Amino acid sequence: MIALPAFHVTTLRVVQTRLPHGLAEDLTLYRMFYKQTYGAEVSEADLMREILRAFIEGDETFRQFKRVARGCNRSKRLRQANLMPNASSKDSAVHDVAAPPGAP
């Protein structure tokens, strides 16, 4: 069975690159293999996108990095939106809370 699952999605972003001759030949052969397996023609751009997606999704070390990076970005966004105290501030444990009606 082919390692790449069936896909039929249009390209959302254009990326230009140059491929060495051997890699370009392999890409052409893989397109033929895909057509033989699924009976569908796909563009080189769509095929390269799906190969890149599968490669990135299969890279456990990158997935770990991505979780950490997204966590750091999430914390930064929360601080910017004042939803999370800034750990570097002196009174990071103090939150501004509206006093209930009638409170002094």
Protein backbone atom coordinates (compact mmCIF):
# COMPACT_ATOMS: atom_id res chain seq x y z
CA MET A 1 0.00 0.00 0.00
CA ILE A 2 1.17 3.54 -0.73
CA ALA A 3 2.34 5.51 2.33
CA LEU A 4 0.57 8.70 1.26
CA PRO A 5 -3.21 8.69 1.86
CA ALA A 6 -5.64 9.82 -0.83
CA PHE A 7 -6.10 13.58 -1.11
CA HIS A 8 -7.89 15.93 -3.47
CA VAL A 9 -7.38 19.45 -2.16
CA THR A 10 -6.32 22.61 -3.95
CA THR A 11 -3.08 24.38 -3.12
CA LEU A 12 -3.54 27.28 -0.70
CA ARG A 13 -0.08 28.86 -0.89
CA VAL A 14 2.36 28.99 -3.76
CA VAL A 15 5.96 28.02 -2.99
CA GLN A 16 8.61 27.94 -5.69
CA THR A 17 11.60 25.64 -5.49
CA ARG A 18 14.14 23.93 -7.71
CA LEU A 19 14.49 20.17 -7.61
CA PRO A 20 17.58 18.22 -8.59
CA HIS A 21 17.01 16.02 -11.63
CA GLY A 22 16.78 12.75 -9.65
CA LEU A 23 14.25 14.16 -7.20
CA ALA A 24 12.15 15.59 -10.05
CA GLU A 25 12.14 12.15 -11.69
CA ASP A 26 11.07 10.55 -8.40
CA LEU A 27 8.25 13.06 -8.06
CA THR A 28 7.02 12.17 -11.55
CA LEU A 29 7.21 8.47 -10.73
CA TYR A 30 5.37 9.02 -7.44
CA ARG A 31 2.58 10.82 -9.31
CA MET A 32 2.28 7.78 -11.57
CA PHE A 33 2.27 5.50 -8.50
CA TYR A 34 -0.45 7.62 -6.88
CA LYS A 35 -2.58 7.49 -10.03
CA GLN A 36 -2.12 3.72 -10.30
CA THR A 37 -3.07 3.29 -6.63
CA TYR A 38 -6.02 5.70 -6.37
CA GLY A 39 -7.04 6.19 -10.00
CA ALA A 40 -6.80 9.98 -9.68
CA GLU A 41 -4.51 12.51 -11.31
CA VAL A 42 -2.86 14.95 -8.91
CA SER A 43 -0.69 17.97 -9.59
CA GLU A 44 2.96 18.03 -8.61
CA ALA A 45 2.18 20.95 -6.28
CA ASP A 46 -0.54 19.01 -4.45
CA LEU A 47 1.66 15.93 -4.26
CA MET A 48 4.61 17.90 -2.84
CA ARG A 49 2.31 19.59 -0.32
CA GLU A 50 0.99 16.25 0.93
CA ILE A 51 4.46 14.71 1.07
CA LEU A 52 5.68 17.70 3.10
CA ARG A 53 2.61 17.52 5.39
CA ALA A 54 3.14 13.78 5.97
CA PHE A 55 6.84 14.33 6.66
CA ILE A 56 6.22 17.11 9.18
CA GLU A 57 3.40 15.22 10.91
CA GLY A 58 5.67 12.16 11.19
CA ASP A 59 8.52 14.07 12.85
CA GLU A 60 8.03 13.48 16.60
CA THR A 61 10.83 15.86 17.59
CA PHE A 62 9.26 18.65 15.54
CA ARG A 63 5.82 17.93 17.07
CA GLN A 64 7.38 18.31 20.54
CA PHE A 65 9.02 21.58 19.49
CA LYS A 66 5.72 22.79 18.01
CA ARG A 67 3.82 22.08 21.26
CA VAL A 68 6.41 24.04 23.26
CA ALA A 69 6.44 26.89 20.74
CA ARG A 70 2.65 27.09 20.69
CA GLY A 71 2.58 26.99 24.48
CA CYS A 72 5.05 29.87 24.67
CA ASN A 73 3.04 31.82 22.09
CA ARG A 74 -0.21 31.09 23.97
CA SER A 75 1.25 32.38 27.24
CA LYS A 76 2.49 35.51 25.47
CA ARG A 77 -0.94 36.12 23.88
CA LEU A 78 -2.67 35.65 27.24
CA ARG A 79 -0.30 38.12 28.90
CA GLN A 80 -0.86 40.62 26.09
CA ALA A 81 -4.61 40.29 26.55
CA ASN A 82 -4.18 40.69 30.35
CA LEU A 83 -5.67 37.24 30.90
CA MET A 84 -2.56 35.87 32.56
CA PRO A 85 -0.24 37.67 34.97
CA ASN A 86 3.20 38.52 33.69
CA ALA A 87 5.65 36.39 35.67
CA SER A 88 8.26 39.14 35.49
CA SER A 89 6.08 41.75 37.20
CA LYS A 90 6.59 42.40 40.94
CA ASP A 91 2.94 41.72 41.80
CA SER A 92 2.30 38.90 39.39
CA ALA A 93 0.12 37.11 41.93
CA VAL A 94 -2.22 40.13 42.25
CA HIS A 95 -5.12 40.36 39.82
CA ASP A 96 -7.39 43.36 39.36
CA VAL A 97 -10.89 42.24 40.19
CA ALA A 98 -13.93 44.51 40.20
CA ALA A 99 -15.28 45.03 43.72
CA PRO A 100 -18.81 43.76 44.35
CA PRO A 101 -21.56 46.42 44.55
CA GLY A 102 -21.61 48.13 47.95
CA ALA A 103 -18.02 47.21 48.82
CA PRO A 104 -15.78 49.99 50.21
